[in-house]
Amino acid sequence: MIAVDELSVGDVNCNSESGNGTRSGFHLLCKESVRFTHAYTPSTLAAPALSSVLTGLYPFQHKVRHNGGPGLAPELDLASELAVRLEYRTSFFSGGAPIFRRTGLNQGFELFDDNIVPNFNSYYRPIKKTSNQFLQWLKHDVGNNAFFSVLYAPDLAYVTTETTTDLGETRNLSFESQLDELDESLYELFQQLKAQGRWDKTTVILVGLSGHNVEDRTGELNPTNLHSENTQVALLIKPAQSKKRDEAIYWKIDQNVSLVDLGRTLYDLLGETNLDEDDNTDFPAHSLFSVLKNPVAHWPEDRPILIESGWSMWRNAGPLKTAAISNHVLYINDESPKLYNTLLDRFEVNPLPMLQESILPTTTKLQNLLRKYQLPPYIQPNSEWMSKMSLAYSRWMRQDQEASLLRDLKRLSNNQSRSIDLLNWTAQVALNQKDWETLRSLGNKNKISLWQYVAEKNLNIKNSKTSDSCIVLLNSKELESNHLKDCGDPLFLELIDWLRADTRGLSKDTQRKKFERSFKNYMLDQEIQRANIALGLIWDTSRDNTYAPSRTELALQLPELAKVRIQAYKALATIDEED
């Protein structure tokens, strides 16, 4: 199973002949798969969605509602654990955040490979490298045994990552370029499976865990958008063929399915056929196993499917957000609820009246179910949240747009003067841009003397002073232990150990290398924080999403430390190459 973030149903076009003769994994898969044209994720966040796929349960049942802790409970039985009991070899290869073993998804996998080492060029492991790791595992650990494997690919989220074609040509920076890279990498993976004689006898599943927004929907934050563009996902299943002469399966199922159903299907594929499909009659889950043999769906068209986002609850920005779909009626459970006929209004731009007579029974049924499960109407996050999450990914992640990012942040910060996040983000980008007037103004207005001090030193304003207990260590004649204790900033103290090594009786070269390592880790963490903001704060990061100027970064921008600054930043690239 290849599970891909941000892979919408429309991203895999099986009706086009353009894939003939090209290196298209999508085209190879399309020719031999059952396609589900109306598959919906149970959650817009990766960890709960993938938890549903591996348990066959909705998030309200398995209790994973977002990408933070605590993860899946050990008492839950995953499809991977069933596979182990049936003596399958099992493996999980993660391409990166947010899918790590702390999600609890490692249960039942003999190998759970989440050993991702981010660097300044890439915060994730591309699907091509993940596939290679999987193929190595097949070669060395599996042999002729049966196996159950999951490959998680976050690639499509990184639209500013450079990719190249198989001819070595650099693609433009876009979602489409990442999609092409994914498509080509899947082609190579599938060709390897064919070369090893595994393709025909292996069930291959390609599933999107969420959709993606081509354009931001007014009034919606991306992680909480429950419209179809963000929830209707790709799902293709290529069944194993018992005989080589069997005709390849090639049909589509147009009735609504949930990725919870895919979870039930995994149990069926593994031979567990006694699962009770009626354990939750309000939101029933149905195995898709039968339609892999016969293109006739056995579940009712009007059965309700539940969709949610726990992002606001996770970020203390609001409650759980829910929606439900039945047949072609989508009900979004907002404070001012929205109702759509997805058959007639494909892009969901024309909400229907709540009392629309033709679908009133369906509307009432969905409303009553949401009330029964105590899922209250969703209240939009406050204006601060809407403001600080409004900036596009490209603004944050493209260097050529950083000046525009600073301009936008200044505007938002002025409008949301009490927002600590916007204040910190604006100051950090102003420091990056060496916009000393902005940094000085922010420091003066918010009584942050160190920002003001560093800015004024760079503006050649005389008599600038700071009472910061760490900065004074740069020029103190003597470094008493009590002065060092007063600082309490480990990274800055490592800088002092390097710069004042002679005074402290330390090896200057040793302390320089020690600082450069620590500074590299800090700066990489800063870049990860920035990427997390750009993606909509969907990762559970180590520093509680703080993106603000550190004392060390500020000190390195002092004019008198120009040579030290050049050396420290130059070392970042060198260390990265060594790693």
Protein backbone atom coordinates (compact mmCIF):
# COMPACT_ATOMS: atom_id res chain seq x y z
CA MET A 1 0.00 0.00 0.00
CA ILE A 2 1.31 3.40 -1.01
CA ALA A 3 -0.37 6.08 1.14
CA VAL A 4 0.12 9.61 -0.19
CA ASP A 5 -0.73 12.92 1.44
CA GLU A 6 -2.59 15.42 -0.76
CA LEU A 7 -3.45 12.94 -3.54
CA SER A 8 -6.93 13.90 -4.75
CA VAL A 9 -9.13 11.73 -6.92
CA GLY A 10 -8.50 14.03 -9.88
CA ASP A 11 -4.73 13.73 -9.64
CA VAL A 12 -4.77 10.19 -11.06
CA ASN A 13 -6.39 10.37 -14.49
CA CYS A 14 -7.19 6.90 -15.78
CA ASN A 15 -9.22 8.14 -18.74
CA SER A 16 -6.27 9.67 -20.57
CA GLU A 17 -4.15 7.79 -23.08
CA SER A 18 -1.28 10.20 -22.54
CA GLY A 19 0.44 7.68 -20.30
CA ASN A 20 1.06 5.25 -23.18
CA GLY A 21 4.75 4.86 -23.78
CA THR A 22 5.69 7.10 -20.84
CA ARG A 23 7.16 6.35 -17.43
CA SER A 24 3.82 6.61 -15.64
CA GLY A 25 3.13 4.50 -12.58
CA PHE A 26 -0.42 5.83 -12.54
CA HIS A 27 -1.00 4.49 -16.06
CA LEU A 28 0.38 1.06 -15.17
CA LEU A 29 -1.85 0.88 -12.12
CA CYS A 30 -4.93 2.19 -13.91
CA LYS A 31 -4.79 -0.63 -16.47
CA GLU A 32 -5.17 -3.32 -13.82
CA SER A 33 -7.12 -1.70 -10.97
CA VAL A 34 -10.50 -1.15 -9.48
CA ARG A 35 -10.88 2.61 -9.19
CA PHE A 36 -13.05 4.22 -6.53
CA THR A 37 -14.17 7.58 -7.85
CA HIS A 38 -15.90 8.71 -4.64
CA ALA A 39 -13.51 7.73 -1.85
CA TYR A 40 -13.46 10.01 1.19
CA THR A 41 -10.85 10.31 3.90
CA PRO A 42 -12.19 10.14 7.48
CA SER A 43 -9.80 12.95 8.48
CA THR A 44 -7.87 15.69 6.69
CA LEU A 45 -4.82 14.90 8.87
CA ALA A 46 -2.45 12.06 8.02
CA ALA A 47 -2.13 10.25 11.37
CA PRO A 48 -5.87 9.76 12.00
CA ALA A 49 -6.52 8.92 8.34
CA LEU A 50 -3.80 6.27 8.26
CA SER A 51 -4.96 4.96 11.64
CA SER A 52 -8.40 4.40 10.10
CA VAL A 53 -6.85 2.58 7.14
CA LEU A 54 -4.96 0.19 9.41
CA THR A 55 -7.79 -0.42 11.89
CA GLY A 56 -10.98 -0.17 9.83
CA LEU A 57 -12.33 2.27 12.42
CA TYR A 58 -13.40 5.91 12.34
CA PRO A 59 -11.32 8.42 14.34
CA PHE A 60 -14.04 8.68 17.02
CA GLN A 61 -13.53 4.92 17.54
CA HIS A 62 -9.73 4.62 17.46
CA LYS A 63 -9.36 8.03 19.24
CA VAL A 64 -6.57 9.47 17.05
CA ARG A 65 -7.94 12.89 16.10
CA HIS A 66 -4.83 14.76 14.92
CA ASN A 67 -1.08 14.46 14.26
CA GLY A 68 -0.04 15.05 17.87
CA GLY A 69 0.00 12.54 20.74
CA PRO A 70 -0.82 10.17 22.20
CA GLY A 71 -1.33 7.99 19.10
CA LEU A 72 -3.03 4.63 18.68
CA ALA A 73 -3.68 2.69 21.87
CA PRO A 74 -1.80 -0.63 22.17
CA GLU A 75 -5.03 -2.57 22.76
CA LEU A 76 -6.28 -1.82 19.24
CA ASP A 77 -5.69 -4.61 16.74
CA LEU A 78 -4.18 -3.40 13.46
CA ALA A 79 -4.21 -5.18 10.12
CA SER A 80 -0.43 -5.41 10.43
CA GLU A 81 -0.79 -7.39 13.65
CA LEU A 82 -3.15 -9.83 11.92
CA ALA A 83 -0.57 -10.15 9.14
CA VAL A 84 2.13 -11.09 11.67
CA ARG A 85 -0.13 -13.74 13.20
CA LEU A 86 -0.60 -15.16 9.71
CA GLU A 87 3.22 -15.27 9.29
CA TYR A 88 3.45 -12.46 6.78
CA ARG A 89 6.64 -10.41 6.80
CA THR A 90 5.64 -6.85 7.64
CA SER A 91 7.22 -3.44 7.09
CA PHE A 92 6.35 0.24 7.15
CA PHE A 93 8.47 2.89 5.44
CA SER A 94 7.70 6.49 6.34
CA GLY A 95 8.78 9.38 4.16
CA GLY A 96 8.74 11.75 7.11
CA ALA A 97 6.56 13.93 9.31
CA PRO A 98 4.04 13.50 10.74
CA ILE A 99 4.20 9.70 10.54
CA PHE A 100 6.66 8.46 13.15
CA ARG A 101 6.43 5.58 15.61
CA ARG A 102 5.00 7.88 18.28
CA THR A 103 1.71 7.73 16.31
CA GLY A 104 1.37 4.10 17.44
CA LEU A 105 1.24 2.99 13.81
CA ASN A 106 4.35 0.85 14.31
CA GLN A 107 2.27 -1.89 15.98
CA GLY A 108 2.60 -5.17 14.11
CA PHE A 109 5.38 -4.07 11.79
CA GLU A 110 8.61 -6.05 12.15
CA LEU A 111 10.39 -3.15 10.48
CA PHE A 112 9.09 0.37 11.04
CA ASP A 113 11.52 2.62 9.20
CA ASP A 114 11.02 6.23 10.23
CA ASN A 115 14.72 7.05 10.35
CA ILE A 116 14.45 10.33 8.46
CA VAL A 117 17.40 12.72 8.73
CA PRO A 118 16.23 16.13 7.48
CA ASN A 119 18.68 18.60 6.00
CA PHE A 120 18.49 22.12 4.63
CA ASN A 121 17.61 20.84 1.16
CA SER A 122 14.93 18.34 2.15
CA TYR A 123 12.82 17.75 5.25
CA TYR A 124 11.48 14.41 4.04
CA ARG A 125 12.53 11.21 2.29
CA PRO A 126 11.30 11.26 -1.32
CA ILE A 127 9.15 8.35 -2.47
CA LYS A 128 11.97 7.24 -4.79
CA LYS A 129 14.30 6.66 -1.82
CA THR A 130 11.50 5.17 0.26
CA SER A 131 10.74 2.72 -2.58
CA ASN A 132 14.40 1.74 -2.78
CA GLN A 133 14.45 1.00 0.95
CA PHE A 134 11.36 -1.16 0.50
CA LEU A 135 12.88 -3.03 -2.45
CA GLN A 136 16.05 -3.70 -0.43
CA TRP A 137 13.90 -5.12 2.36
CA LEU A 138 12.08 -7.36 -0.15
CA LYS A 139 15.38 -8.63 -1.49
CA HIS A 140 17.15 -9.30 1.79
CA ASP A 141 14.37 -10.13 4.27
CA VAL A 142 11.33 -11.46 2.42
CA GLY A 143 12.40 -13.91 -0.25
CA ASN A 144 9.40 -16.00 -1.26
CA ASN A 145 7.39 -15.25 1.88
CA ALA A 146 4.12 -13.37 1.89
CA PHE A 147 4.49 -9.74 2.95
CA PHE A 148 2.39 -6.78 4.06
CA SER A 149 3.97 -3.34 3.56
CA VAL A 150 3.00 0.30 3.78
CA LEU A 151 4.90 3.17 2.15
CA TYR A 152 3.94 6.63 3.38
CA ALA A 153 4.71 9.52 1.00
CA PRO A 154 4.39 13.17 2.06
CA ASP A 155 6.06 14.34 -1.18
CA LEU A 156 3.16 16.32 -2.65
CA ALA A 157 3.20 18.77 0.27
CA TYR A 158 6.64 20.06 -0.74
CA VAL A 159 5.87 22.09 -3.84
CA THR A 160 9.08 24.13 -3.60
CA THR A 161 11.39 21.10 -3.63
CA GLU A 162 13.43 20.73 -6.80
CA THR A 163 12.87 17.53 -8.79
CA THR A 164 14.43 16.23 -11.99
CA THR A 165 13.19 14.02 -14.81
CA ASP A 166 14.83 10.71 -15.67
CA LEU A 167 16.73 12.66 -18.35
CA GLY A 168 18.20 14.96 -15.70
CA GLU A 169 16.07 17.97 -16.62
CA THR A 170 15.02 20.18 -13.70
CA ARG A 171 11.26 20.57 -13.33
CA ASN A 172 9.61 23.81 -12.34
CA LEU A 173 8.67 24.25 -8.67
CA SER A 174 5.00 23.30 -8.44
CA PHE A 175 2.52 20.73 -7.21
CA GLU A 176 2.44 19.32 -10.73
CA SER A 177 6.19 18.74 -10.71
CA GLN A 178 5.96 16.78 -7.46
CA LEU A 179 3.05 14.79 -8.90
CA ASP A 180 5.16 13.96 -11.97
CA GLU A 181 8.02 12.86 -9.70
CA LEU A 182 5.64 10.65 -7.71
CA ASP A 183 4.21 9.18 -10.91
CA GLU A 184 7.66 8.40 -12.31
CA SER A 185 8.89 6.92 -9.02
CA LEU A 186 5.87 4.62 -8.85
CA TYR A 187 6.60 3.49 -12.40
CA GLU A 188 10.11 2.48 -11.36
CA LEU A 189 8.78 0.68 -8.28
CA PHE A 190 6.16 -1.22 -10.25
CA GLN A 191 8.69 -2.19 -12.93
CA GLN A 192 10.95 -3.59 -10.21
CA LEU A 193 8.05 -5.64 -8.82
CA LYS A 194 7.41 -6.96 -12.32
CA ALA A 195 11.07 -7.79 -12.86
CA GLN A 196 11.08 -9.76 -9.59
CA GLY A 197 7.95 -11.67 -10.61
CA ARG A 198 5.95 -10.15 -7.74
CA TRP A 199 3.58 -7.80 -9.56
CA ASP A 200 0.90 -10.32 -10.61
CA LYS A 201 0.68 -12.05 -7.24
CA THR A 202 0.72 -8.87 -5.14
CA THR A 203 -2.24 -6.69 -4.24
CA VAL A 204 -1.14 -3.08 -4.79
CA ILE A 205 -3.11 -0.20 -3.26
CA LEU A 206 -2.60 3.48 -4.03
CA VAL A 207 -4.50 5.72 -1.63
CA GLY A 208 -4.60 9.43 -0.94
CA LEU A 209 -4.89 10.33 2.74
CA SER A 210 -6.16 13.83 1.96
CA GLY A 211 -6.91 16.03 -1.01
CA HIS A 212 -5.43 19.43 -1.72
CA ASN A 213 -6.64 22.92 -2.44
CA VAL A 214 -5.68 24.37 -5.80
CA GLU A 215 -6.94 27.71 -4.53
CA ASP A 216 -7.73 28.70 -0.96
CA ARG A 217 -11.43 28.63 -0.21
CA THR A 218 -12.62 31.90 1.31
CA GLY A 219 -13.11 31.63 5.05
CA GLU A 220 -11.53 28.17 5.29
CA LEU A 221 -8.19 27.15 6.77
CA ASN A 222 -6.60 24.37 4.74
CA PRO A 223 -6.32 21.82 7.58
CA THR A 224 -10.02 22.27 8.47
CA ASN A 225 -11.45 22.44 4.95
CA LEU A 226 -13.97 19.57 4.66
CA HIS A 227 -15.07 20.34 1.13
CA SER A 228 -14.54 17.64 -1.48
CA GLU A 229 -11.33 19.11 -2.89
CA ASN A 230 -9.71 18.35 0.46
CA THR A 231 -11.51 15.11 1.36
CA GLN A 232 -12.25 13.20 -1.88
CA VAL A 233 -9.12 11.15 -2.47
CA ALA A 234 -7.55 8.77 -4.95
CA LEU A 235 -8.11 5.07 -4.27
CA LEU A 236 -7.02 2.33 -6.67
CA ILE A 237 -6.70 -1.35 -5.79
CA LYS A 238 -4.89 -3.78 -8.08
CA PRO A 239 -5.80 -7.26 -6.83
CA ALA A 240 -3.38 -10.14 -6.94
CA GLN A 241 -4.09 -12.42 -9.90
CA SER A 242 -4.19 -16.14 -9.21
CA LYS A 243 -3.08 -17.10 -12.71
CA LYS A 244 -1.00 -15.31 -15.31
CA ARG A 245 -3.68 -15.83 -17.92
CA ASP A 246 -6.32 -14.05 -15.82
CA GLU A 247 -7.58 -10.89 -17.49
CA ALA A 248 -6.55 -7.74 -15.70
CA ILE A 249 -9.31 -6.10 -13.69
CA TYR A 250 -10.24 -2.68 -14.99
CA TRP A 251 -13.41 -1.06 -13.76
CA LYS A 252 -14.59 1.72 -11.49
CA ILE A 253 -16.95 2.01 -8.56
CA ASP A 254 -18.85 5.29 -8.37
CA GLN A 255 -20.62 4.79 -5.03
CA ASN A 256 -19.31 6.56 -1.94
CA VAL A 257 -16.67 4.76 0.12
CA SER A 258 -14.57 5.77 3.12
CA LEU A 259 -10.96 4.92 3.83
CA VAL A 260 -12.43 3.16 6.86
CA ASP A 261 -13.81 0.69 4.30
CA LEU A 262 -10.30 0.23 2.94
CA GLY A 263 -9.26 -0.78 6.47
CA ARG A 264 -11.95 -3.47 6.53
CA THR A 265 -10.77 -4.58 3.09
CA LEU A 266 -7.23 -5.15 4.38
CA TYR A 267 -8.57 -7.62 6.95
CA ASP A 268 -10.53 -9.40 4.21
CA LEU A 269 -7.48 -9.57 1.96
CA LEU A 270 -5.58 -11.15 4.85
CA GLY A 271 -8.33 -13.75 5.26
CA GLU A 272 -10.12 -12.30 8.31
CA THR A 273 -13.71 -12.64 7.06
CA ASN A 274 -15.65 -12.69 10.32
CA LEU A 275 -15.48 -8.96 11.07
CA ASP A 276 -18.83 -7.61 12.19
CA GLU A 277 -19.76 -4.90 9.68
CA ASP A 278 -22.68 -3.79 11.82
CA ASP A 279 -20.77 -2.90 14.99
CA ASN A 280 -21.68 0.71 14.29
CA THR A 281 -24.93 0.85 12.37
CA ASP A 282 -24.98 4.67 12.25
CA PHE A 283 -21.73 4.96 10.28
CA PRO A 284 -21.26 1.42 8.98
CA ALA A 285 -17.99 0.29 7.43
CA HIS A 286 -18.03 -2.14 4.51
CA SER A 287 -15.23 -4.23 3.08
CA LEU A 288 -14.56 -3.50 -0.59
CA PHE A 289 -13.35 -7.05 -1.17
CA SER A 290 -16.38 -8.16 -3.18
CA VAL A 291 -16.04 -5.41 -5.80
CA LEU A 292 -12.50 -6.54 -6.52
CA LYS A 293 -14.15 -9.57 -8.15
CA ASN A 294 -17.46 -8.16 -9.36
CA PRO A 295 -18.15 -4.49 -10.16
CA VAL A 296 -21.41 -4.38 -8.24
CA ALA A 297 -21.37 -2.52 -4.91
CA HIS A 298 -23.32 -4.26 -2.14
CA TRP A 299 -23.63 -1.28 0.20
CA PRO A 300 -26.48 1.25 -0.02
CA GLU A 301 -25.83 4.47 -1.92
CA ASP A 302 -27.36 6.57 0.83
CA ARG A 303 -25.28 5.23 3.72
CA PRO A 304 -23.71 8.07 5.75
CA ILE A 305 -19.95 8.68 5.82
CA LEU A 306 -18.33 10.81 8.52
CA ILE A 307 -15.46 13.24 7.82
CA GLU A 308 -13.60 15.34 10.37
CA SER A 309 -10.67 17.57 11.19
CA GLY A 310 -9.24 17.67 14.70
CA TRP A 311 -6.76 20.44 13.83
CA SER A 312 -8.53 23.28 15.66
CA MET A 313 -8.99 21.14 18.77
CA TRP A 314 -5.28 20.22 18.66
CA ARG A 315 -4.17 23.84 18.27
CA ASN A 316 -6.63 25.23 20.83
CA ALA A 317 -8.17 27.25 18.02
CA GLY A 318 -11.66 25.77 18.25
CA PRO A 319 -13.59 22.50 18.49
CA LEU A 320 -13.56 19.39 16.31
CA LYS A 321 -14.92 20.10 12.84
CA THR A 322 -17.18 17.51 11.21
CA ALA A 323 -19.08 16.85 8.02
CA ALA A 324 -21.15 13.97 6.73
CA ILE A 325 -22.01 12.82 3.24
CA SER A 326 -24.82 10.57 2.09
CA ASN A 327 -25.27 9.77 -1.58
CA HIS A 328 -24.64 13.17 -3.21
CA VAL A 329 -25.58 15.33 -0.22
CA LEU A 330 -22.70 16.93 1.72
CA TYR A 331 -23.54 18.51 5.09
CA ILE A 332 -20.78 20.60 6.69
CA ASN A 333 -21.49 20.97 10.39
CA ASP A 334 -20.53 24.64 10.85
CA GLU A 335 -22.10 27.20 13.16
CA SER A 336 -23.86 28.31 9.97
CA PRO A 337 -24.20 24.86 8.38
CA LYS A 338 -23.55 24.38 4.69
CA LEU A 339 -25.42 21.96 2.46
CA TYR A 340 -24.38 20.96 -1.06
CA ASN A 341 -25.68 18.78 -3.84
CA THR A 342 -22.31 17.45 -5.02
CA LEU A 343 -23.88 15.89 -8.11
CA LEU A 344 -25.12 19.20 -9.49
CA ASP A 345 -22.61 21.52 -7.79
CA ARG A 346 -19.31 19.77 -8.39
CA PHE A 347 -17.13 22.54 -6.93
CA GLU A 348 -19.46 23.18 -3.98
CA VAL A 349 -19.84 26.91 -4.55
CA ASN A 350 -23.63 27.20 -4.21
CA PRO A 351 -24.91 26.15 -0.77
CA LEU A 352 -28.50 24.90 -0.72
CA PRO A 353 -31.21 26.07 1.69
CA MET A 354 -31.37 23.84 4.77
CA LEU A 355 -35.02 23.15 4.01
CA GLN A 356 -34.47 22.10 0.39
CA GLU A 357 -37.46 19.83 0.00
CA SER A 358 -35.90 17.31 -2.39
CA ILE A 359 -33.13 16.35 0.06
CA LEU A 360 -34.74 17.29 3.37
CA PRO A 361 -34.95 13.66 4.64
CA THR A 362 -31.23 13.17 3.99
CA THR A 363 -30.34 16.50 5.59
CA THR A 364 -32.39 15.70 8.68
CA LYS A 365 -30.83 12.25 8.94
CA LEU A 366 -27.28 13.65 8.83
CA GLN A 367 -28.08 16.41 11.34
CA ASN A 368 -29.58 13.89 13.75
CA LEU A 369 -26.56 11.59 13.48
CA LEU A 370 -24.13 14.41 14.25
CA ARG A 371 -26.24 15.43 17.26
CA LYS A 372 -26.45 11.81 18.46
CA TYR A 373 -22.65 11.57 18.52
CA GLN A 374 -22.44 14.93 20.30
CA LEU A 375 -20.56 16.58 17.45
CA PRO A 376 -21.39 20.26 17.91
CA PRO A 377 -21.46 22.86 15.14
CA TYR A 378 -18.01 24.19 14.35
CA ILE A 379 -17.10 27.71 15.41
CA GLN A 380 -14.56 29.42 13.19
CA PRO A 381 -11.17 30.23 14.79
CA ASN A 382 -10.72 33.82 15.90
CA SER A 383 -9.38 36.54 13.64
CA GLU A 384 -5.79 36.04 14.85
CA TRP A 385 -5.77 32.43 13.69
CA MET A 386 -7.41 33.32 10.38
CA SER A 387 -4.81 36.05 9.85
CA LYS A 388 -1.66 34.17 10.74
CA MET A 389 -2.66 31.08 8.74
CA SER A 390 -3.61 33.09 5.65
CA LEU A 391 -0.18 33.31 4.01
CA ALA A 392 0.53 30.95 1.13
CA TYR A 393 3.08 28.12 1.34
CA SER A 394 5.17 29.71 -1.42
CA ARG A 395 5.42 32.97 0.56
CA TRP A 396 7.07 31.10 3.40
CA MET A 397 9.20 28.66 1.44
CA ARG A 398 10.49 30.53 -1.60
CA GLN A 399 13.47 32.78 -1.01
CA ASP A 400 12.45 35.09 -3.85
CA GLN A 401 9.19 35.83 -2.02
CA GLU A 402 10.62 36.59 1.42
CA ALA A 403 10.50 40.36 0.92
CA SER A 404 6.80 40.02 0.09
CA LEU A 405 6.36 37.74 3.09
CA LEU A 406 7.80 40.43 5.37
CA ARG A 407 5.47 43.04 3.91
CA ASP A 408 2.46 40.77 4.49
CA LEU A 409 3.57 39.90 8.02
CA LYS A 410 3.98 43.57 8.93
CA ARG A 411 0.46 44.25 7.73
CA LEU A 412 -1.01 41.30 9.62
CA SER A 413 0.97 42.11 12.74
CA ASN A 414 -0.32 45.68 12.72
CA ASN A 415 -3.88 44.42 12.42
CA GLN A 416 -3.36 41.77 15.13
CA SER A 417 -1.15 43.72 17.53
CA ARG A 418 -1.69 41.24 20.38
CA SER A 419 -0.56 38.20 18.40
CA ILE A 420 2.74 36.94 19.84
CA ASP A 421 3.15 34.54 16.91
CA LEU A 422 2.82 37.26 14.28
CA LEU A 423 5.18 39.50 16.25
CA ASN A 424 7.83 36.77 16.46
CA TRP A 425 7.43 35.72 12.83
CA THR A 426 7.71 39.30 11.61
CA ALA A 427 10.84 39.90 13.68
CA GLN A 428 12.47 36.70 12.44
CA VAL A 429 11.83 37.50 8.78
CA ALA A 430 12.95 41.12 9.33
CA LEU A 431 16.21 39.76 10.79
CA ASN A 432 16.62 37.41 7.82
CA GLN A 433 16.07 40.33 5.45
CA LYS A 434 18.30 42.65 7.52
CA ASP A 435 15.45 45.12 7.67
CA TRP A 436 16.85 46.96 10.67
CA GLU A 437 14.24 49.70 10.71
CA THR A 438 11.43 47.13 11.04
CA LEU A 439 13.30 45.18 13.71
CA ARG A 440 14.03 48.38 15.63
CA SER A 441 10.41 49.48 15.41
CA LEU A 442 9.16 46.09 16.63
CA GLY A 443 11.63 46.12 19.51
CA ASN A 444 10.73 49.65 20.54
CA LYS A 445 6.97 49.12 20.26
CA ASN A 446 7.00 45.81 22.17
CA LYS A 447 9.74 46.72 24.66
CA ILE A 448 12.13 44.02 23.45
CA SER A 449 15.41 45.78 23.99
CA LEU A 450 17.65 43.20 22.33
CA TRP A 451 15.85 43.53 18.98
CA GLN A 452 16.17 47.30 19.24
CA TYR A 453 19.82 47.11 20.28
CA VAL A 454 20.92 44.89 17.39
CA ALA A 455 18.96 46.97 14.89
CA GLU A 456 20.45 50.25 16.16
CA LYS A 457 23.99 48.85 16.09
CA ASN A 458 23.47 48.01 12.41
CA LEU A 459 21.97 51.44 11.78
CA ASN A 460 25.08 53.03 13.33
CA ILE A 461 23.01 54.70 16.03
CA LYS A 462 25.37 55.67 18.84
CA ASN A 463 24.88 54.99 22.54
CA SER A 464 22.77 51.86 21.90
CA LYS A 465 22.69 49.77 25.02
CA THR A 466 21.21 46.52 26.25
CA SER A 467 20.97 45.06 29.70
CA ASP A 468 20.73 41.51 28.35
CA SER A 469 22.67 39.29 30.75
CA CYS A 470 24.04 37.15 27.91
CA ILE A 471 25.07 39.83 25.41
CA VAL A 472 27.28 41.52 28.02
CA LEU A 473 29.42 38.33 28.05
CA LEU A 474 30.69 39.19 24.58
CA ASN A 475 32.84 42.01 25.92
CA SER A 476 33.27 41.33 29.63
CA LYS A 477 36.91 41.41 30.68
CA GLU A 478 36.37 38.52 33.05
CA LEU A 479 33.87 35.68 32.81
CA GLU A 480 32.83 34.74 36.31
CA SER A 481 30.78 31.58 36.83
CA ASN A 482 27.88 33.61 38.25
CA HIS A 483 27.78 35.68 35.04
CA LEU A 484 27.53 32.51 32.99
CA LYS A 485 24.75 31.20 35.23
CA ASP A 486 22.83 34.44 34.77
CA CYS A 487 22.73 33.85 31.03
CA GLY A 488 21.08 30.42 30.95
CA ASP A 489 21.06 30.17 27.14
CA PRO A 490 22.94 26.96 26.16
CA LEU A 491 23.49 27.83 22.49
CA PHE A 492 24.69 31.34 23.28
CA LEU A 493 27.03 30.00 25.96
CA GLU A 494 28.58 27.69 23.35
CA LEU A 495 29.16 30.77 21.21
CA ILE A 496 30.85 32.43 24.20
CA ASP A 497 32.97 29.32 24.77
CA TRP A 498 34.23 29.66 21.20
CA LEU A 499 34.71 33.44 21.11
CA ARG A 500 36.17 33.68 24.63
CA ALA A 501 38.01 30.35 24.60
CA ASP A 502 41.31 31.98 25.60
CA THR A 503 39.73 33.71 28.57
CA ARG A 504 38.08 30.45 29.66
CA GLY A 505 41.16 28.29 29.10
CA LEU A 506 39.48 26.21 26.37
CA SER A 507 40.58 24.96 22.97
CA LYS A 508 39.32 27.49 20.44
CA ASP A 509 39.14 24.99 17.59
CA THR A 510 37.26 22.39 19.67
CA GLN A 511 34.75 24.98 20.91
CA ARG A 512 34.26 26.32 17.37
CA LYS A 513 33.36 22.86 16.06
CA LYS A 514 31.06 22.27 19.02
CA PHE A 515 29.24 25.54 18.42
CA GLU A 516 28.97 24.97 14.67
CA ARG A 517 27.29 21.59 15.25
CA SER A 518 24.81 23.04 17.73
CA PHE A 519 24.14 26.06 15.55
CA LYS A 520 23.50 23.83 12.55
CA ASN A 521 20.94 21.81 14.54
CA TYR A 522 19.29 25.00 15.75
CA MET A 523 19.09 26.54 12.27
CA LEU A 524 17.70 23.33 10.79
CA ASP A 525 15.09 23.31 13.53
CA GLN A 526 14.24 26.90 12.61
CA GLU A 527 13.70 25.86 8.99
CA ILE A 528 11.47 22.99 10.09
CA GLN A 529 9.43 25.39 12.22
CA ARG A 530 9.06 27.64 9.21
CA ALA A 531 7.98 24.77 6.95
CA ASN A 532 5.43 23.72 9.56
CA ILE A 533 3.92 27.21 9.55
CA ALA A 534 3.83 27.13 5.75
CA LEU A 535 2.02 23.77 5.76
CA GLY A 536 -0.56 24.97 8.29
CA LEU A 537 0.97 23.75 11.57
CA ILE A 538 0.22 20.09 10.82
CA TRP A 539 3.35 18.70 12.49
CA ASP A 540 4.00 18.02 16.13
CA THR A 541 7.37 19.77 16.38
CA SER A 542 9.83 19.80 19.25
CA ARG A 543 9.79 23.50 20.10
CA ASP A 544 6.06 24.15 20.25
CA ASN A 545 6.01 25.98 16.91
CA THR A 546 8.20 28.87 18.05
CA TYR A 547 9.67 30.79 15.13
CA ALA A 548 11.42 33.85 16.53
CA PRO A 549 14.89 35.41 16.57
CA SER A 550 17.20 33.67 19.01
CA ARG A 551 19.75 35.55 21.05
CA THR A 552 22.50 33.76 19.14
CA GLU A 553 21.15 34.77 15.71
CA LEU A 554 20.80 38.33 16.91
CA ALA A 555 24.33 38.42 18.34
CA LEU A 556 25.81 37.11 15.10
CA GLN A 557 24.26 40.08 13.29
CA LEU A 558 26.20 42.58 15.38
CA PRO A 559 28.65 44.49 13.13
CA GLU A 560 31.63 43.63 15.31
CA LEU A 561 30.93 39.91 14.81
CA ALA A 562 30.84 40.08 11.00
CA LYS A 563 33.74 37.67 10.50
CA VAL A 564 32.33 35.24 13.07
CA ARG A 565 28.93 35.40 11.33
CA ILE A 566 30.44 34.59 7.94
CA GLN A 567 32.31 31.63 9.39
CA ALA A 568 29.27 30.29 11.30
CA TYR A 569 26.90 30.44 8.33
CA LYS A 570 29.50 29.10 5.92
CA ALA A 571 29.99 26.13 8.23
CA LEU A 572 26.28 25.20 7.90
CA ALA A 573 26.74 24.04 4.31
CA THR A 574 30.01 22.26 5.08
CA ILE A 575 28.56 20.36 8.02
CA ASP A 576 25.52 19.40 5.96
CA GLU A 577 27.76 17.87 3.27
CA GLU A 578 29.74 15.97 5.90
CA ASP A 579 26.55 14.57 7.45
